[in-house]
Protein backbone atom coordinates (compact mmCIF):
# COMPACT_ATOMS: atom_id res chain seq x y z
CA UNK A 1 68.23 180.86 41.89
CA UNK A 2 68.10 179.05 45.23
CA UNK A 3 66.62 175.99 43.49
CA UNK A 4 69.54 175.99 41.05
CA UNK A 5 71.97 175.94 43.97
CA UNK A 6 70.02 173.13 45.67
CA UNK A 7 70.03 171.04 42.47
CA UNK A 8 73.73 171.71 41.98
CA UNK A 9 74.49 170.84 45.62
CA UNK A 10 72.76 167.47 45.21
CA UNK A 11 74.78 166.63 42.09
CA UNK A 12 78.00 167.79 43.76
CA UNK A 13 77.29 165.62 46.81
CA UNK A 14 76.67 162.57 44.63
CA UNK A 15 79.78 163.30 42.53
CA UNK A 16 81.83 163.67 45.72
CA UNK A 17 80.68 160.24 46.88
CA UNK A 18 81.40 158.59 43.53
CA UNK A 19 84.82 160.17 43.05
CA UNK A 20 85.86 159.75 46.68
CA UNK A 21 86.69 163.46 46.78
CA UNK A 22 83.84 165.22 48.56
CA UNK A 23 84.70 168.89 48.87
CA UNK A 24 87.59 168.49 46.41
CA UNK A 25 85.77 168.15 43.09
CA UNK A 26 87.95 170.67 41.21
CA UNK A 27 90.75 168.10 41.61
CA UNK A 28 88.58 165.27 40.26
CA UNK A 29 86.85 166.98 37.32
CA UNK A 30 88.08 168.78 34.22
CA UNK A 31 87.29 172.38 35.21
CA UNK A 32 88.50 173.81 31.89
CA UNK A 33 86.25 171.46 29.92
CA UNK A 34 83.26 172.34 32.09
CA UNK A 35 84.03 176.00 31.44
CA UNK A 36 84.15 175.45 27.66
CA UNK A 37 80.86 173.56 27.71
CA UNK A 38 79.00 176.09 29.85
CA UNK A 39 80.55 179.43 28.94
CA UNK A 40 81.15 179.98 32.65
CA UNK A 41 84.67 181.25 33.50
CA UNK A 42 87.07 178.67 34.97
CA UNK A 43 87.33 180.50 38.32
CA UNK A 44 83.53 180.54 38.67
CA UNK A 45 83.26 176.83 37.80
CA UNK A 46 85.90 176.05 40.45
CA UNK A 47 84.08 178.18 43.04
CA UNK A 48 80.77 176.42 42.33
CA UNK A 49 82.43 172.98 42.44
CA UNK A 50 83.75 173.91 45.88
CA UNK A 51 80.15 174.57 46.96
CA UNK A 52 80.49 178.33 46.87
CA UNK A 53 78.10 180.93 45.57
CA UNK A 54 78.78 183.49 42.90
CA UNK A 55 77.31 186.95 42.31
CA UNK A 56 74.09 186.84 40.32
CA UNK A 57 74.31 188.27 36.82
CA UNK A 58 71.48 189.84 34.88
CA UNK A 59 70.29 188.00 31.78
CA UNK A 60 71.56 190.62 29.30
CA UNK A 61 74.98 190.59 30.99
CA UNK A 62 75.13 186.75 30.83
CA UNK A 63 74.26 186.74 27.14
CA UNK A 64 76.97 189.32 26.41
CA UNK A 65 79.53 187.41 28.50
CA UNK A 66 78.74 184.13 26.74
CA UNK A 67 78.89 185.81 23.33
CA UNK A 68 82.35 187.11 24.20
CA UNK A 69 83.24 183.68 25.56
CA UNK A 70 82.34 182.09 22.21
CA UNK A 71 84.44 184.64 20.39
CA UNK A 72 87.44 183.85 22.60
CA UNK A 73 87.11 180.07 22.87
CA UNK A 74 85.42 178.78 19.70
CA UNK A 75 87.65 178.81 16.67
CA UNK A 76 87.12 178.61 12.96
CA UNK A 77 88.30 175.42 11.22
CA UNK A 78 91.59 177.18 10.42
CA UNK A 79 92.15 177.86 14.15
CA UNK A 80 91.54 181.61 13.96
CA UNK A 81 89.03 183.55 16.00
CA UNK A 82 85.64 184.34 14.49
CA UNK A 83 85.30 188.01 13.60
CA UNK A 84 82.30 190.01 14.73
CA UNK A 85 81.15 190.07 11.11
CA UNK A 86 81.29 186.27 10.90
CA UNK A 87 79.39 185.87 14.17
CA UNK A 88 76.82 188.40 12.97
CA UNK A 89 76.34 186.44 9.74
CA UNK A 90 75.93 183.20 11.70
CA UNK A 91 73.35 184.92 13.94
CA UNK A 92 71.52 186.33 10.92
CA UNK A 93 72.10 189.97 11.73
CA UNK A 94 74.53 192.80 10.96
CA UNK A 95 77.92 193.47 12.51
CA UNK A 96 76.61 196.80 13.82
CA UNK A 97 73.78 195.11 15.72
CA UNK A 98 76.13 192.51 17.14
CA UNK A 99 78.48 195.27 18.33
CA UNK A 100 75.53 197.01 19.95
CA UNK A 101 74.49 193.80 21.75
CA UNK A 102 77.98 193.42 23.14
CA UNK A 103 77.91 196.97 24.53
CA UNK A 104 74.48 197.41 25.99
CA UNK A 105 71.72 195.42 24.39
CA UNK A 106 70.18 192.03 24.25
CA UNK A 107 69.90 189.95 21.08
CA UNK A 108 66.67 188.34 20.03
CA UNK A 109 66.18 184.72 21.02
CA UNK A 110 66.17 183.76 17.34
CA UNK A 111 69.63 185.25 16.86
CA UNK A 112 71.20 183.61 19.90
CA UNK A 113 69.52 180.33 18.97
CA UNK A 114 71.21 180.45 15.55
CA UNK A 115 74.57 180.96 17.24
CA UNK A 116 73.84 178.20 19.75
CA UNK A 117 72.94 175.71 17.03
CA UNK A 118 75.91 176.63 14.84
CA UNK A 119 78.35 175.98 17.68
CA UNK A 120 76.51 172.89 18.97
CA UNK A 121 75.84 174.41 22.38
CA UNK A 122 73.26 173.32 24.96
CA UNK A 123 69.79 174.87 24.87
CA UNK A 124 70.43 177.14 27.86
CA UNK A 125 73.99 178.11 26.98
CA UNK A 126 73.28 181.85 26.64
CA UNK A 127 70.53 182.21 29.23
CA UNK A 128 71.17 179.76 32.11
CA UNK A 129 72.68 181.29 35.21
CA UNK A 130 75.99 179.88 36.39
CA UNK A 131 74.69 177.21 38.82
CA UNK A 132 72.07 176.07 36.28
CA UNK A 133 74.64 175.85 33.50
CA UNK A 134 77.07 173.86 35.64
CA UNK A 135 74.30 171.57 36.89
CA UNK A 136 73.31 170.72 33.31
CA UNK A 137 76.94 170.06 32.33
CA UNK A 138 77.51 167.81 35.36
CA UNK A 139 74.43 165.63 34.91
CA UNK A 140 75.98 163.46 32.14
CA UNK A 141 79.22 163.21 34.17
CA UNK A 142 77.21 161.96 37.14
CA UNK A 143 75.27 159.48 35.01
CA UNK A 144 78.49 158.11 33.55
CA UNK A 145 80.11 157.69 36.98
CA UNK A 146 76.96 156.07 38.37
CA UNK A 147 76.92 153.60 35.48
CA UNK A 148 80.59 152.75 36.15
CA UNK A 149 79.91 152.30 39.87
CA UNK A 150 76.83 150.15 39.28
CA UNK A 151 76.89 148.33 35.92
CA UNK A 152 73.34 147.03 36.51
CA UNK A 153 71.95 150.55 36.89
CA UNK A 154 70.98 150.82 33.21
CA UNK A 155 69.18 147.48 33.40
CA UNK A 156 67.22 148.60 36.48
CA UNK A 157 66.41 151.96 34.91
CA UNK A 158 65.15 150.24 31.78
CA UNK A 159 62.79 148.05 33.78
CA UNK A 160 64.54 144.71 33.34
CA UNK A 161 64.40 143.91 37.06
CA UNK A 162 60.67 144.71 37.08
CA UNK A 163 60.21 142.46 34.06
CA UNK A 164 62.00 139.56 35.75
CA UNK A 165 59.92 140.07 38.90
CA UNK A 166 56.76 139.78 36.80
CA UNK A 167 57.82 136.39 35.37
CA UNK A 168 55.56 134.36 37.70
CA UNK A 169 52.53 136.21 36.29
CA UNK A 170 53.54 135.77 32.64
CA UNK A 171 51.83 133.37 30.28
CA UNK A 172 53.75 130.63 28.48
CA UNK A 173 54.33 132.71 25.32
CA UNK A 174 55.69 135.70 27.29
CA UNK A 175 57.99 133.43 29.32
CA UNK A 176 59.28 131.76 26.14
CA UNK A 177 60.02 135.18 24.60
CA UNK A 178 61.85 136.29 27.76
CA UNK A 179 63.83 133.03 27.84
CA UNK A 180 64.77 133.43 24.15
CA UNK A 181 66.00 136.96 24.80
CA UNK A 182 68.09 135.80 27.76
CA UNK A 183 69.53 132.94 25.70
CA UNK A 184 70.42 135.32 22.86
CA UNK A 185 72.33 137.57 25.30
CA UNK A 186 74.13 134.62 26.90
CA UNK A 187 75.05 133.14 23.49
CA UNK A 188 76.45 136.48 22.31
CA UNK A 189 78.53 136.67 25.49
CA UNK A 190 79.92 133.16 24.91
CA UNK A 191 80.93 134.10 21.35
CA UNK A 192 82.70 137.23 22.65
CA UNK A 193 84.49 135.21 25.35
CA UNK A 194 85.59 132.56 22.79
CA UNK A 195 86.94 135.31 20.51
CA UNK A 196 89.10 136.73 23.32
CA UNK A 197 90.82 133.42 24.04
């Protein structure tokens, strides 16, 4: 679990720098949305965003908590809560087994995977501990903020800078292809600019 906290701390540090709110991330991020995406209670998300630690939960307890979380926070198309029978049918089991899981047991991975897929949840939704779950939910937020802060980041990550640096070693055909691509991008930009005026 210490690695999960280290990974989370790194993401939190980088988010703090990008948002200008180091140590105050609960003010900068949507804590309720992070809770819905991870199945981690709002108070725990806020504590982790503040750099705190939370009590470790056993796997069976996490699965039960997240199953209850789904029942409370995921709604049917008509806005009503899913019944235990409906969740059991989605999981491919009986209502009695689902009730037993909620009390003391642990569902099979196949059953929780059916629930996860039905609700469009991340791969580790039921099994990831709290810092792992929050880390996974924050990674796309960090990537988005990094892209906003540095619009050329995607180009560098995709190797365009490396490609341009290799230009002196390219043959005539490769250079012509690269020049055509650059011209196509510039022409498209000119058309967009002309359409805005």
